[in-house]
């Protein structure tokens, strides 16, 4: 008999078939694995961690006209169909509703340890070599410029400005990716983020050398 986690994996794979490659099943799988590694170092509810990691991008608002209500609704309907307890469902929805970088100014005063773990895992997958690949894939998906020296990063964007931004892919490093290392919640997350952060700095150095034909 399949476990709830196994059924959730099947559901997410089916739901995200054909998704943009930076936010597809493989992204979910990496976040799920990263969250598991971090959870092993924390006192937490591992069922909530796993279900939250698997369902956190079930309907990413950026692909649904910014609608942030779709993912929690889909997640609730699925978890109820699996007879998951209301307490677990509420804890999973809390993670889904508060995980996003763009919502950090509205972060809850008392984040659960499960939110901290899955948020770290999601942010770790946004940096390093994978983060670079995902960023350029999404920039290409939106047909954004790779780089324009005349366009400077917008570091003070509101949530609404961030959602509508069509800045360059290189600017996204400064507007988000390079900020993530210092936003890690857990000790394990901080350690894992450090190497990936340095990799991005090295990449940017090389990118500018090649862009400027040094």
N, C-alpha and C. Protein backbone atom coordinates (compact mmCIF):
# COMPACT_ATOMS: atom_id res chain seq x y z
N UNK A 1 0.84 -1.20 0.00
CA UNK A 1 0.00 0.00 0.00
C UNK A 1 0.88 1.25 0.00
N UNK A 2 0.57 2.18 -0.86
CA UNK A 2 1.39 3.38 -1.00
C UNK A 2 1.17 4.33 0.19
N UNK A 3 2.26 4.96 0.61
CA UNK A 3 2.17 5.93 1.69
C UNK A 3 1.63 7.26 1.16
N UNK A 4 1.26 8.14 2.07
CA UNK A 4 0.80 9.48 1.68
C UNK A 4 1.89 10.21 0.92
N UNK A 5 3.13 10.04 1.34
CA UNK A 5 4.25 10.71 0.66
C UNK A 5 4.37 10.19 -0.77
N UNK A 6 4.28 8.87 -0.95
CA UNK A 6 4.36 8.28 -2.30
C UNK A 6 3.24 8.81 -3.19
N UNK A 7 2.04 8.90 -2.63
CA UNK A 7 0.90 9.41 -3.41
C UNK A 7 1.08 10.90 -3.73
N UNK A 8 1.70 11.64 -2.81
CA UNK A 8 1.95 13.06 -3.05
C UNK A 8 2.97 13.23 -4.17
N UNK A 9 3.99 12.40 -4.17
CA UNK A 9 4.99 12.44 -5.24
C UNK A 9 4.31 12.21 -6.59
N UNK A 10 3.45 11.20 -6.68
CA UNK A 10 2.74 10.91 -7.93
C UNK A 10 1.87 12.10 -8.35
N UNK A 11 1.17 12.69 -7.39
CA UNK A 11 0.28 13.82 -7.66
C UNK A 11 1.06 15.01 -8.21
N UNK A 12 2.17 15.32 -7.56
CA UNK A 12 2.97 16.49 -7.96
C UNK A 12 3.60 16.26 -9.33
N UNK A 13 4.13 15.08 -9.57
CA UNK A 13 4.71 14.75 -10.88
C UNK A 13 3.68 14.97 -11.99
N UNK A 14 2.48 14.48 -11.76
CA UNK A 14 1.42 14.61 -12.77
C UNK A 14 1.01 16.07 -12.94
N UNK A 15 0.88 16.78 -11.84
CA UNK A 15 0.41 18.17 -11.87
C UNK A 15 1.41 19.08 -12.56
N UNK A 16 2.70 18.81 -12.39
CA UNK A 16 3.73 19.70 -12.92
C UNK A 16 4.31 19.22 -14.25
N UNK A 17 3.69 18.24 -14.86
CA UNK A 17 4.17 17.78 -16.16
C UNK A 17 4.10 18.94 -17.17
N UNK A 18 5.21 19.22 -17.83
CA UNK A 18 5.25 20.29 -18.80
C UNK A 18 5.51 21.67 -18.21
N UNK A 19 5.79 21.73 -16.91
CA UNK A 19 6.05 23.02 -16.25
C UNK A 19 7.37 23.61 -16.72
N UNK A 20 7.52 24.93 -16.57
CA UNK A 20 8.79 25.61 -16.87
C UNK A 20 9.91 24.89 -16.11
N UNK A 21 11.04 24.67 -16.78
CA UNK A 21 12.04 23.74 -16.29
C UNK A 21 12.70 24.13 -14.97
N UNK A 22 12.59 25.39 -14.58
CA UNK A 22 13.14 25.79 -13.30
C UNK A 22 12.19 25.56 -12.14
N UNK A 23 10.94 25.25 -12.46
CA UNK A 23 9.91 25.07 -11.43
C UNK A 23 9.13 23.77 -11.69
N UNK A 24 9.84 22.76 -12.15
CA UNK A 24 9.21 21.49 -12.52
C UNK A 24 9.39 20.46 -11.40
N UNK A 25 9.07 19.20 -11.72
CA UNK A 25 9.20 18.14 -10.73
C UNK A 25 10.64 18.03 -10.19
N UNK A 26 11.63 18.23 -11.04
CA UNK A 26 13.01 18.05 -10.59
C UNK A 26 13.41 19.10 -9.55
N UNK A 27 12.86 20.32 -9.70
CA UNK A 27 13.05 21.34 -8.66
C UNK A 27 12.42 20.86 -7.35
N UNK A 28 11.20 20.37 -7.44
CA UNK A 28 10.51 19.87 -6.25
C UNK A 28 11.31 18.75 -5.60
N UNK A 29 11.79 17.83 -6.40
CA UNK A 29 12.55 16.68 -5.88
C UNK A 29 13.81 17.15 -5.15
N UNK A 30 14.51 18.13 -5.72
CA UNK A 30 15.72 18.63 -5.05
C UNK A 30 15.38 19.31 -3.72
N UNK A 31 14.31 20.12 -3.72
CA UNK A 31 13.91 20.80 -2.49
C UNK A 31 13.50 19.76 -1.44
N UNK A 32 12.79 18.74 -1.87
CA UNK A 32 12.37 17.65 -0.97
C UNK A 32 13.60 16.99 -0.33
N UNK A 33 14.62 16.69 -1.14
CA UNK A 33 15.84 16.06 -0.63
C UNK A 33 16.62 17.01 0.29
N UNK A 34 16.73 18.26 -0.12
CA UNK A 34 17.44 19.25 0.70
C UNK A 34 16.72 19.44 2.03
N UNK A 35 15.40 19.52 1.99
CA UNK A 35 14.63 19.69 3.22
C UNK A 35 14.83 18.49 4.16
N UNK A 36 14.93 17.31 3.58
CA UNK A 36 15.18 16.11 4.38
C UNK A 36 16.52 16.17 5.09
N UNK A 37 17.54 16.64 4.38
CA UNK A 37 18.87 16.77 4.99
C UNK A 37 18.86 17.77 6.15
N UNK A 38 18.17 18.89 5.95
CA UNK A 38 18.11 19.90 7.00
C UNK A 38 17.26 19.40 8.16
N UNK A 39 16.14 18.72 7.85
CA UNK A 39 15.25 18.21 8.89
C UNK A 39 15.95 17.24 9.83
N UNK A 40 16.93 16.51 9.28
CA UNK A 40 17.68 15.55 10.11
C UNK A 40 18.47 16.24 11.22
N UNK A 41 18.69 17.55 11.08
CA UNK A 41 19.47 18.29 12.08
C UNK A 41 18.59 19.13 13.00
N UNK A 42 17.27 19.04 12.82
CA UNK A 42 16.34 19.87 13.60
C UNK A 42 15.26 19.01 14.26
N UNK A 43 14.70 19.52 15.34
CA UNK A 43 13.55 18.88 16.00
C UNK A 43 12.29 19.37 15.30
N UNK A 44 11.71 18.55 14.47
CA UNK A 44 10.60 19.00 13.62
C UNK A 44 9.65 17.86 13.31
N UNK A 45 8.53 18.20 12.69
CA UNK A 45 7.57 17.21 12.21
C UNK A 45 7.96 16.89 10.76
N UNK A 46 8.56 15.73 10.55
CA UNK A 46 9.09 15.41 9.22
C UNK A 46 7.99 15.17 8.19
N UNK A 47 6.81 14.75 8.63
CA UNK A 47 5.70 14.60 7.69
C UNK A 47 5.32 15.96 7.12
N UNK A 48 5.23 16.97 7.99
CA UNK A 48 4.91 18.32 7.53
C UNK A 48 6.00 18.84 6.61
N UNK A 49 7.26 18.59 6.95
CA UNK A 49 8.38 19.04 6.12
C UNK A 49 8.28 18.42 4.73
N UNK A 50 8.09 17.11 4.67
CA UNK A 50 8.06 16.43 3.37
C UNK A 50 6.87 16.88 2.52
N UNK A 51 5.68 16.93 3.13
CA UNK A 51 4.49 17.32 2.38
C UNK A 51 4.61 18.78 1.91
N UNK A 52 5.15 19.63 2.76
CA UNK A 52 5.32 21.05 2.38
C UNK A 52 6.32 21.19 1.25
N UNK A 53 7.43 20.47 1.33
CA UNK A 53 8.44 20.55 0.28
C UNK A 53 7.86 20.06 -1.05
N UNK A 54 7.09 18.99 -1.01
CA UNK A 54 6.52 18.42 -2.23
C UNK A 54 5.45 19.31 -2.85
N UNK A 55 4.69 20.03 -2.00
CA UNK A 55 3.55 20.80 -2.50
C UNK A 55 3.81 22.30 -2.59
N UNK A 56 5.02 22.76 -2.24
CA UNK A 56 5.24 24.21 -2.10
C UNK A 56 5.09 24.98 -3.41
N UNK A 57 5.32 24.33 -4.54
CA UNK A 57 5.21 25.00 -5.84
C UNK A 57 4.15 24.35 -6.72
N UNK A 58 3.11 23.82 -6.10
CA UNK A 58 2.10 23.09 -6.87
C UNK A 58 1.35 24.03 -7.82
N UNK A 59 1.34 25.32 -7.50
CA UNK A 59 0.76 26.33 -8.42
C UNK A 59 1.48 27.64 -8.14
N UNK A 60 2.72 27.74 -8.61
CA UNK A 60 3.52 28.95 -8.37
C UNK A 60 2.77 30.17 -8.92
N UNK A 61 2.55 31.19 -8.06
CA UNK A 61 1.77 32.36 -8.51
C UNK A 61 2.30 33.03 -9.76
N UNK A 62 3.63 32.96 -9.99
CA UNK A 62 4.19 33.65 -11.17
C UNK A 62 3.68 33.05 -12.48
N UNK A 63 3.15 31.83 -12.42
CA UNK A 63 2.60 31.19 -13.62
C UNK A 63 1.06 31.22 -13.60
N UNK A 64 0.50 31.92 -12.61
CA UNK A 64 -0.97 32.00 -12.48
C UNK A 64 -1.41 33.44 -12.23
N UNK A 65 -0.81 34.36 -13.01
CA UNK A 65 -1.17 35.79 -12.93
C UNK A 65 -1.05 36.34 -11.51
N UNK A 66 -0.10 35.80 -10.75
CA UNK A 66 0.15 36.32 -9.41
C UNK A 66 -0.83 35.85 -8.35
N UNK A 67 -1.74 34.95 -8.71
CA UNK A 67 -2.76 34.48 -7.76
C UNK A 67 -2.13 33.55 -6.72
N UNK A 68 -2.12 33.98 -5.46
CA UNK A 68 -1.50 33.20 -4.39
C UNK A 68 -2.48 32.29 -3.66
N UNK A 69 -3.72 32.24 -4.13
CA UNK A 69 -4.73 31.40 -3.46
C UNK A 69 -4.85 30.01 -4.08
N UNK A 70 -4.32 29.85 -5.29
CA UNK A 70 -4.52 28.59 -6.00
C UNK A 70 -3.76 27.44 -5.34
N UNK A 71 -2.47 27.66 -5.02
CA UNK A 71 -1.65 26.59 -4.44
C UNK A 71 -2.22 26.07 -3.12
N UNK A 72 -2.57 26.95 -2.17
CA UNK A 72 -3.15 26.43 -0.92
C UNK A 72 -4.45 25.65 -1.14
N UNK A 73 -5.26 26.10 -2.10
CA UNK A 73 -6.52 25.40 -2.37
C UNK A 73 -6.26 24.00 -2.93
N UNK A 74 -5.35 23.92 -3.91
CA UNK A 74 -5.03 22.62 -4.51
C UNK A 74 -4.42 21.69 -3.45
N UNK A 75 -3.51 22.23 -2.64
CA UNK A 75 -2.86 21.42 -1.61
C UNK A 75 -3.88 20.90 -0.61
N UNK A 76 -4.78 21.79 -0.16
CA UNK A 76 -5.80 21.36 0.81
C UNK A 76 -6.69 20.26 0.23
N UNK A 77 -7.16 20.47 -0.98
CA UNK A 77 -8.05 19.48 -1.61
C UNK A 77 -7.35 18.12 -1.72
N UNK A 78 -6.08 18.14 -2.11
CA UNK A 78 -5.35 16.88 -2.25
C UNK A 78 -5.15 16.22 -0.89
N UNK A 79 -4.69 16.98 0.10
CA UNK A 79 -4.41 16.40 1.42
C UNK A 79 -5.69 15.88 2.08
N UNK A 80 -6.78 16.58 1.90
CA UNK A 80 -8.06 16.10 2.44
C UNK A 80 -8.46 14.78 1.77
N UNK A 81 -8.17 14.66 0.47
CA UNK A 81 -8.51 13.42 -0.25
C UNK A 81 -7.68 12.24 0.26
N UNK A 82 -6.55 12.56 0.92
CA UNK A 82 -5.69 11.51 1.46
C UNK A 82 -5.92 11.31 2.97
N UNK A 83 -6.96 11.95 3.47
CA UNK A 83 -7.32 11.84 4.89
C UNK A 83 -6.20 12.27 5.83
N UNK A 84 -5.45 13.26 5.41
CA UNK A 84 -4.42 13.85 6.28
C UNK A 84 -5.13 14.69 7.35
N UNK A 85 -4.60 14.68 8.57
CA UNK A 85 -5.26 15.39 9.66
C UNK A 85 -5.30 16.89 9.40
N UNK A 86 -6.31 17.54 9.96
CA UNK A 86 -6.47 18.98 9.79
C UNK A 86 -5.26 19.74 10.35
N UNK A 87 -4.70 19.26 11.43
CA UNK A 87 -3.53 19.93 12.02
C UNK A 87 -2.35 19.92 11.05
N UNK A 88 -2.09 18.77 10.44
CA UNK A 88 -1.00 18.67 9.47
C UNK A 88 -1.29 19.55 8.26
N UNK A 89 -2.54 19.51 7.78
CA UNK A 89 -2.91 20.33 6.62
C UNK A 89 -2.65 21.80 6.90
N UNK A 90 -3.06 22.28 8.05
CA UNK A 90 -2.87 23.69 8.39
C UNK A 90 -1.39 24.05 8.46
N UNK A 91 -0.59 23.14 9.00
CA UNK A 91 0.86 23.40 9.08
C UNK A 91 1.50 23.42 7.70
N UNK A 92 1.04 22.55 6.80
CA UNK A 92 1.56 22.53 5.43
C UNK A 92 1.17 23.82 4.70
N UNK A 93 -0.08 24.23 4.84
CA UNK A 93 -0.54 25.45 4.18
C UNK A 93 0.19 26.68 4.71
N UNK A 94 0.52 26.67 5.99
CA UNK A 94 1.29 27.77 6.57
C UNK A 94 2.64 27.91 5.87
N UNK A 95 3.28 26.78 5.57
CA UNK A 95 4.57 26.81 4.85
C UNK A 95 4.35 27.35 3.44
N UNK A 96 3.38 26.79 2.72
CA UNK A 96 3.13 27.18 1.33
C UNK A 96 2.85 28.69 1.22
N UNK A 97 2.08 29.21 2.18
CA UNK A 97 1.66 30.61 2.12
C UNK A 97 2.75 31.59 2.53
N UNK A 98 3.79 31.09 3.20
CA UNK A 98 4.81 32.00 3.74
C UNK A 98 6.22 31.76 3.23
N UNK A 99 6.39 30.82 2.31
CA UNK A 99 7.74 30.43 1.88
C UNK A 99 8.39 31.43 0.94
N UNK A 100 7.60 32.21 0.21
CA UNK A 100 8.13 32.98 -0.91
C UNK A 100 9.05 34.14 -0.50
N UNK A 101 10.09 34.33 -1.28
CA UNK A 101 11.03 35.45 -1.10
C UNK A 101 10.31 36.79 -1.20
N UNK A 102 9.36 36.89 -2.14
CA UNK A 102 8.70 38.18 -2.37
C UNK A 102 7.80 38.57 -1.19
N UNK A 103 7.45 37.58 -0.34
CA UNK A 103 6.58 37.86 0.80
C UNK A 103 7.37 38.09 2.09
N UNK A 104 8.70 38.25 1.97
CA UNK A 104 9.51 38.31 3.19
C UNK A 104 9.17 39.51 4.08
N UNK A 105 8.66 40.60 3.48
CA UNK A 105 8.29 41.77 4.28
C UNK A 105 7.03 41.50 5.11
N UNK A 106 6.31 40.44 4.76
CA UNK A 106 5.10 40.06 5.49
C UNK A 106 5.31 38.75 6.26
N UNK A 107 6.56 38.43 6.53
CA UNK A 107 6.88 37.16 7.19
C UNK A 107 6.23 37.08 8.57
N UNK A 108 5.73 35.89 8.93
CA UNK A 108 5.10 35.74 10.25
C UNK A 108 6.12 35.96 11.38
N UNK A 109 5.64 36.49 12.49
CA UNK A 109 6.53 36.77 13.62
C UNK A 109 7.08 35.48 14.23
N UNK A 110 6.28 34.42 14.18
CA UNK A 110 6.70 33.16 14.77
C UNK A 110 6.66 32.04 13.72
N UNK A 111 7.63 32.02 12.81
CA UNK A 111 7.64 30.96 11.79
C UNK A 111 7.87 29.59 12.43
N UNK A 112 7.19 28.59 11.92
CA UNK A 112 7.39 27.23 12.43
C UNK A 112 8.76 26.72 11.98
N UNK A 113 9.28 25.74 12.69
CA UNK A 113 10.57 25.16 12.29
C UNK A 113 10.43 24.49 10.92
N UNK A 114 9.23 23.97 10.63
CA UNK A 114 9.00 23.34 9.32
C UNK A 114 9.08 24.36 8.20
N UNK A 115 8.53 25.57 8.42
CA UNK A 115 8.66 26.64 7.44
C UNK A 115 10.12 27.02 7.25
N UNK A 116 10.85 27.15 8.34
CA UNK A 116 12.26 27.52 8.26
C UNK A 116 13.05 26.50 7.43
N UNK A 117 12.76 25.23 7.64
CA UNK A 117 13.49 24.16 6.94
C UNK A 117 13.18 24.18 5.44
N UNK A 118 11.90 24.19 5.09
CA UNK A 118 11.52 24.11 3.67
C UNK A 118 11.91 25.40 2.95
N UNK A 119 11.80 26.53 3.63
CA UNK A 119 12.22 27.81 3.04
C UNK A 119 13.72 27.78 2.74
N UNK A 120 14.52 27.28 3.68
CA UNK A 120 15.96 27.15 3.43
C UNK A 120 16.22 26.25 2.23
N UNK A 121 15.54 25.11 2.17
CA UNK A 121 15.74 24.17 1.07
C UNK A 121 15.39 24.80 -0.27
N UNK A 122 14.29 25.52 -0.32
CA UNK A 122 13.85 26.18 -1.55
C UNK A 122 14.86 27.25 -1.96
N UNK A 123 15.37 27.99 -0.99
CA UNK A 123 16.34 29.05 -1.30
C UNK A 123 17.69 28.49 -1.69
N UNK A 124 18.07 27.37 -1.12
CA UNK A 124 19.34 26.74 -1.51
C UNK A 124 19.28 26.29 -2.97
N UNK A 125 18.11 25.81 -3.41
CA UNK A 125 17.97 25.39 -4.81
C UNK A 125 17.93 26.58 -5.77
N UNK A 126 17.83 27.79 -5.21
CA UNK A 126 17.82 29.00 -6.05
C UNK A 126 19.21 29.58 -6.23
N UNK A 127 20.23 28.98 -5.60
CA UNK A 127 21.59 29.52 -5.69
C UNK A 127 22.57 28.43 -6.14
N UNK A 128 23.83 28.82 -6.33
CA UNK A 128 24.82 27.88 -6.83
C UNK A 128 24.66 27.60 -8.31
N UNK A 129 25.24 26.49 -8.77
CA UNK A 129 25.19 26.15 -10.20
C UNK A 129 23.75 25.92 -10.66
N UNK A 130 22.98 25.21 -9.84
CA UNK A 130 21.57 24.99 -10.19
C UNK A 130 20.82 26.31 -10.22
N UNK A 131 21.08 27.17 -9.26
CA UNK A 131 20.42 28.47 -9.23
C UNK A 131 20.72 29.30 -10.47
N UNK A 132 21.97 29.27 -10.90
CA UNK A 132 22.36 30.00 -12.12
C UNK A 132 21.60 29.43 -13.32
N UNK A 133 21.57 28.11 -13.43
CA UNK A 133 20.87 27.48 -14.56
C UNK A 133 19.39 27.81 -14.54
N UNK A 134 18.77 27.76 -13.36
CA UNK A 134 17.34 28.05 -13.25
C UNK A 134 17.06 29.51 -13.60
N UNK A 135 17.93 30.40 -13.17
CA UNK A 135 17.72 31.82 -13.41
C UNK A 135 17.78 32.15 -14.90
N UNK A 136 18.75 31.60 -15.59
CA UNK A 136 18.86 31.86 -17.02
C UNK A 136 17.74 31.15 -17.79
N UNK A 137 17.32 29.99 -17.30
CA UNK A 137 16.20 29.31 -17.96
C UNK A 137 14.93 30.16 -17.86
N UNK A 138 14.67 30.70 -16.66
CA UNK A 138 13.46 31.50 -16.46
C UNK A 138 13.56 32.82 -17.24
N UNK A 139 14.77 33.41 -17.27
CA UNK A 139 14.96 34.63 -18.06
C UNK A 139 14.68 34.39 -19.53
N UNK A 140 15.12 33.24 -20.03
CA UNK A 140 14.83 32.88 -21.42
C UNK A 140 13.35 32.63 -21.64
N UNK A 141 12.72 31.99 -20.67
CA UNK A 141 11.28 31.71 -20.71
C UNK A 141 10.49 33.01 -20.86
N UNK A 142 10.96 34.08 -20.19
CA UNK A 142 10.28 35.38 -20.24
C UNK A 142 10.86 36.31 -21.31
N UNK A 143 11.89 35.81 -22.01
CA UNK A 143 12.58 36.60 -23.03
C UNK A 143 13.18 37.89 -22.45
N UNK A 144 13.66 37.81 -21.22
CA UNK A 144 14.35 38.95 -20.61
C UNK A 144 15.78 39.04 -21.16
N UNK A 145 16.32 40.24 -21.16
CA UNK A 145 17.73 40.41 -21.51
C UNK A 145 18.61 39.67 -20.52
N UNK A 146 19.72 39.10 -21.02
CA UNK A 146 20.69 38.51 -20.09
C UNK A 146 21.32 39.60 -19.23
N UNK A 147 21.75 40.67 -19.91
CA UNK A 147 22.48 41.73 -19.20
C UNK A 147 22.47 42.98 -20.05
N UNK A 148 22.36 44.11 -19.38
CA UNK A 148 22.49 45.41 -20.02
C UNK A 148 23.17 46.32 -19.01
N UNK A 149 24.43 46.72 -19.28
CA UNK A 149 25.17 47.54 -18.31
C UNK A 149 24.44 48.83 -17.93
N UNK A 150 23.56 49.31 -18.78
CA UNK A 150 22.85 50.56 -18.50
C UNK A 150 21.69 50.37 -17.54
N UNK A 151 21.26 49.13 -17.36
CA UNK A 151 20.14 48.85 -16.47
C UNK A 151 20.67 48.36 -15.13
N UNK A 152 20.47 49.14 -14.09
CA UNK A 152 20.99 48.81 -12.78
C UNK A 152 19.97 47.99 -11.98
N UNK A 153 20.45 47.14 -11.06
CA UNK A 153 19.53 46.37 -10.22
C UNK A 153 18.62 47.29 -9.42
N UNK A 154 17.38 46.86 -9.23
CA UNK A 154 16.41 47.60 -8.41
C UNK A 154 16.34 46.90 -7.05
N UNK A 155 17.04 47.45 -6.08
CA UNK A 155 17.19 46.76 -4.80
C UNK A 155 16.07 47.08 -3.82
N UNK A 156 15.23 48.04 -4.13
CA UNK A 156 14.19 48.43 -3.18
C UNK A 156 12.79 48.14 -3.67
N UNK A 157 12.62 47.06 -4.42
CA UNK A 157 11.31 46.77 -5.00
C UNK A 157 10.29 46.37 -3.95
N UNK A 158 9.06 46.86 -4.14
CA UNK A 158 7.95 46.38 -3.33
C UNK A 158 7.56 44.99 -3.84
N UNK A 159 6.68 44.33 -3.10
CA UNK A 159 6.21 43.01 -3.53
C UNK A 159 5.58 43.08 -4.92
N UNK A 160 4.75 44.09 -5.16
CA UNK A 160 4.08 44.21 -6.45
C UNK A 160 5.07 44.50 -7.58
N UNK A 161 6.06 45.35 -7.29
CA UNK A 161 7.09 45.64 -8.30
C UNK A 161 7.88 44.38 -8.62
N UNK A 162 8.20 43.61 -7.59
CA UNK A 162 8.98 42.39 -7.78
C UNK A 162 8.21 41.41 -8.66
N UNK A 163 6.91 41.27 -8.41
CA UNK A 163 6.08 40.34 -9.19
C UNK A 163 6.02 40.73 -10.66
N UNK A 164 6.08 42.04 -10.96
CA UNK A 164 5.94 42.52 -12.34
C UNK A 164 7.28 42.76 -13.02
N UNK A 165 8.36 42.57 -12.29
CA UNK A 165 9.68 42.93 -12.81
C UNK A 165 10.08 42.10 -14.02
N UNK A 166 10.60 42.78 -15.04
CA UNK A 166 11.16 42.10 -16.21
C UNK A 166 12.60 42.55 -16.41
N UNK A 167 13.31 42.70 -15.30
CA UNK A 167 14.70 43.13 -15.36
C UNK A 167 15.60 42.08 -15.98
N UNK A 168 16.88 42.40 -16.10
CA UNK A 168 17.81 41.45 -16.71
C UNK A 168 18.09 40.29 -15.78
N UNK A 169 18.53 39.19 -16.37
CA UNK A 169 18.85 38.00 -15.58
C UNK A 169 20.01 38.28 -14.63
N UNK A 170 21.02 39.00 -15.08
CA UNK A 170 22.15 39.33 -14.20
C UNK A 170 21.68 40.19 -13.02
N UNK A 171 20.79 41.13 -13.27
CA UNK A 171 20.28 41.96 -12.17
C UNK A 171 19.56 41.12 -11.12
N UNK A 172 18.96 40.02 -11.54
CA UNK A 172 18.24 39.15 -10.59
C UNK A 172 19.19 38.58 -9.53
N UNK A 173 20.45 38.43 -9.88
CA UNK A 173 21.42 37.97 -8.88
C UNK A 173 21.47 38.95 -7.71
N UNK A 174 21.48 40.25 -8.03
CA UNK A 174 21.61 41.28 -6.99
C UNK A 174 20.28 41.56 -6.30
N UNK A 175 19.19 41.36 -7.03
CA UNK A 175 17.86 41.63 -6.48
C UNK A 175 17.35 40.49 -5.60
N UNK A 176 17.92 39.28 -5.79
CA UNK A 176 17.47 38.14 -4.99
C UNK A 176 18.58 37.16 -4.62
N UNK A 177 19.22 36.55 -5.62
CA UNK A 177 20.05 35.38 -5.36
C UNK A 177 21.19 35.62 -4.37
N UNK A 178 21.86 36.76 -4.51
CA UNK A 178 23.00 37.04 -3.62
C UNK A 178 22.55 37.43 -2.22
N UNK A 179 21.25 37.66 -2.05
CA UNK A 179 20.72 38.02 -0.73
C UNK A 179 20.36 36.78 0.09
N UNK A 180 20.21 35.66 -0.57
CA UNK A 180 19.64 34.48 0.09
C UNK A 180 20.54 33.88 1.16
N UNK A 181 21.84 33.92 0.95
CA UNK A 181 22.77 33.34 1.94
C UNK A 181 22.51 33.89 3.35
N UNK A 182 22.28 35.18 3.44
CA UNK A 182 22.10 35.81 4.74
C UNK A 182 20.67 35.71 5.25
N UNK A 183 19.79 35.07 4.48
CA UNK A 183 18.41 34.89 4.92
C UNK A 183 18.12 33.45 5.37
N UNK A 184 19.17 32.63 5.41
CA UNK A 184 18.98 31.25 5.86
C UNK A 184 18.56 31.21 7.33
N UNK A 185 17.66 30.28 7.63
CA UNK A 185 17.11 30.16 8.98
C UNK A 185 17.86 29.19 9.87
N UNK A 186 18.35 28.10 9.28
CA UNK A 186 18.93 27.01 10.06
C UNK A 186 20.44 26.97 9.91
N UNK A 187 21.10 26.37 10.88
CA UNK A 187 22.56 26.26 10.82
C UNK A 187 22.99 25.43 9.62
N UNK A 188 22.29 24.32 9.37
CA UNK A 188 22.61 23.47 8.22
C UNK A 188 22.41 24.24 6.92
N UNK A 189 21.33 25.02 6.85
CA UNK A 189 21.05 25.82 5.66
C UNK A 189 22.15 26.82 5.40
N UNK A 190 22.64 27.46 6.47
CA UNK A 190 23.71 28.45 6.32
C UNK A 190 24.97 27.81 5.78
N UNK A 191 25.29 26.63 6.28
CA UNK A 191 26.49 25.93 5.82
C UNK A 191 26.36 25.54 4.34
N UNK A 192 25.19 25.01 3.98
CA UNK A 192 24.98 24.56 2.60
C UNK A 192 24.97 25.75 1.62
N UNK A 193 24.49 26.90 2.09
CA UNK A 193 24.39 28.07 1.21
C UNK A 193 25.74 28.71 0.93
N UNK A 194 26.68 28.58 1.83
CA UNK A 194 27.95 29.30 1.73
C UNK A 194 28.71 28.96 0.45
N UNK A 195 28.88 27.68 0.17
CA UNK A 195 29.63 27.25 -1.02
C UNK A 195 28.93 27.70 -2.30
N UNK A 196 27.61 27.58 -2.31
CA UNK A 196 26.85 27.96 -3.51
C UNK A 196 26.93 29.47 -3.75
N UNK A 197 26.90 30.24 -2.68
CA UNK A 197 27.01 31.69 -2.79
C UNK A 197 28.35 32.07 -3.43
N UNK A 198 29.42 31.45 -2.97
CA UNK A 198 30.74 31.75 -3.51
C UNK A 198 30.83 31.37 -4.98
N UNK A 199 30.18 30.27 -5.36
CA UNK A 199 30.17 29.83 -6.75
C UNK A 199 29.53 30.90 -7.63
N UNK A 200 28.45 31.52 -7.15
CA UNK A 200 27.79 32.56 -7.93
C UNK A 200 28.68 33.79 -8.08
N UNK A 201 29.40 34.16 -7.03
CA UNK A 201 30.31 35.30 -7.12
C UNK A 201 31.40 35.04 -8.17
N UNK A 202 31.92 33.81 -8.17
CA UNK A 202 32.95 33.44 -9.15
C UNK A 202 32.36 33.48 -10.56
N UNK A 203 31.13 33.00 -10.71
CA UNK A 203 30.46 33.02 -12.02
C UNK A 203 30.32 34.46 -12.52
N UNK A 204 29.87 35.37 -11.65
CA UNK A 204 29.68 36.75 -12.06
C UNK A 204 30.99 37.39 -12.48
N UNK A 205 32.06 37.09 -11.76
CA UNK A 205 33.38 37.61 -12.15
C UNK A 205 33.73 37.16 -13.56
N UNK A 206 33.54 35.89 -13.82
CA UNK A 206 33.86 35.34 -15.15
C UNK A 206 32.93 35.91 -16.22
N UNK A 207 31.64 36.07 -15.88
CA UNK A 207 30.66 36.61 -16.82
C UNK A 207 31.08 38.01 -17.28
N UNK A 208 31.45 38.87 -16.33
CA UNK A 208 31.83 40.25 -16.68
C UNK A 208 33.12 40.27 -17.51
N UNK A 209 34.05 39.40 -17.20
CA UNK A 209 35.29 39.32 -18.00
C UNK A 209 34.96 38.99 -19.44
N UNK A 210 34.09 38.02 -19.63
CA UNK A 210 33.76 37.60 -20.99
C UNK A 210 32.89 38.65 -21.69
N UNK A 211 31.96 39.26 -20.94
CA UNK A 211 31.10 40.29 -21.53
C UNK A 211 31.92 41.47 -22.03
N UNK A 212 32.89 41.87 -21.22
CA UNK A 212 33.74 43.03 -21.55
C UNK A 212 34.92 42.65 -22.43
N UNK A 213 35.02 41.37 -22.79
CA UNK A 213 36.10 40.84 -23.62
C UNK A 213 37.46 41.25 -23.03
N UNK A 214 37.59 41.02 -21.74
CA UNK A 214 38.86 41.32 -21.07
C UNK A 214 39.90 40.28 -21.42
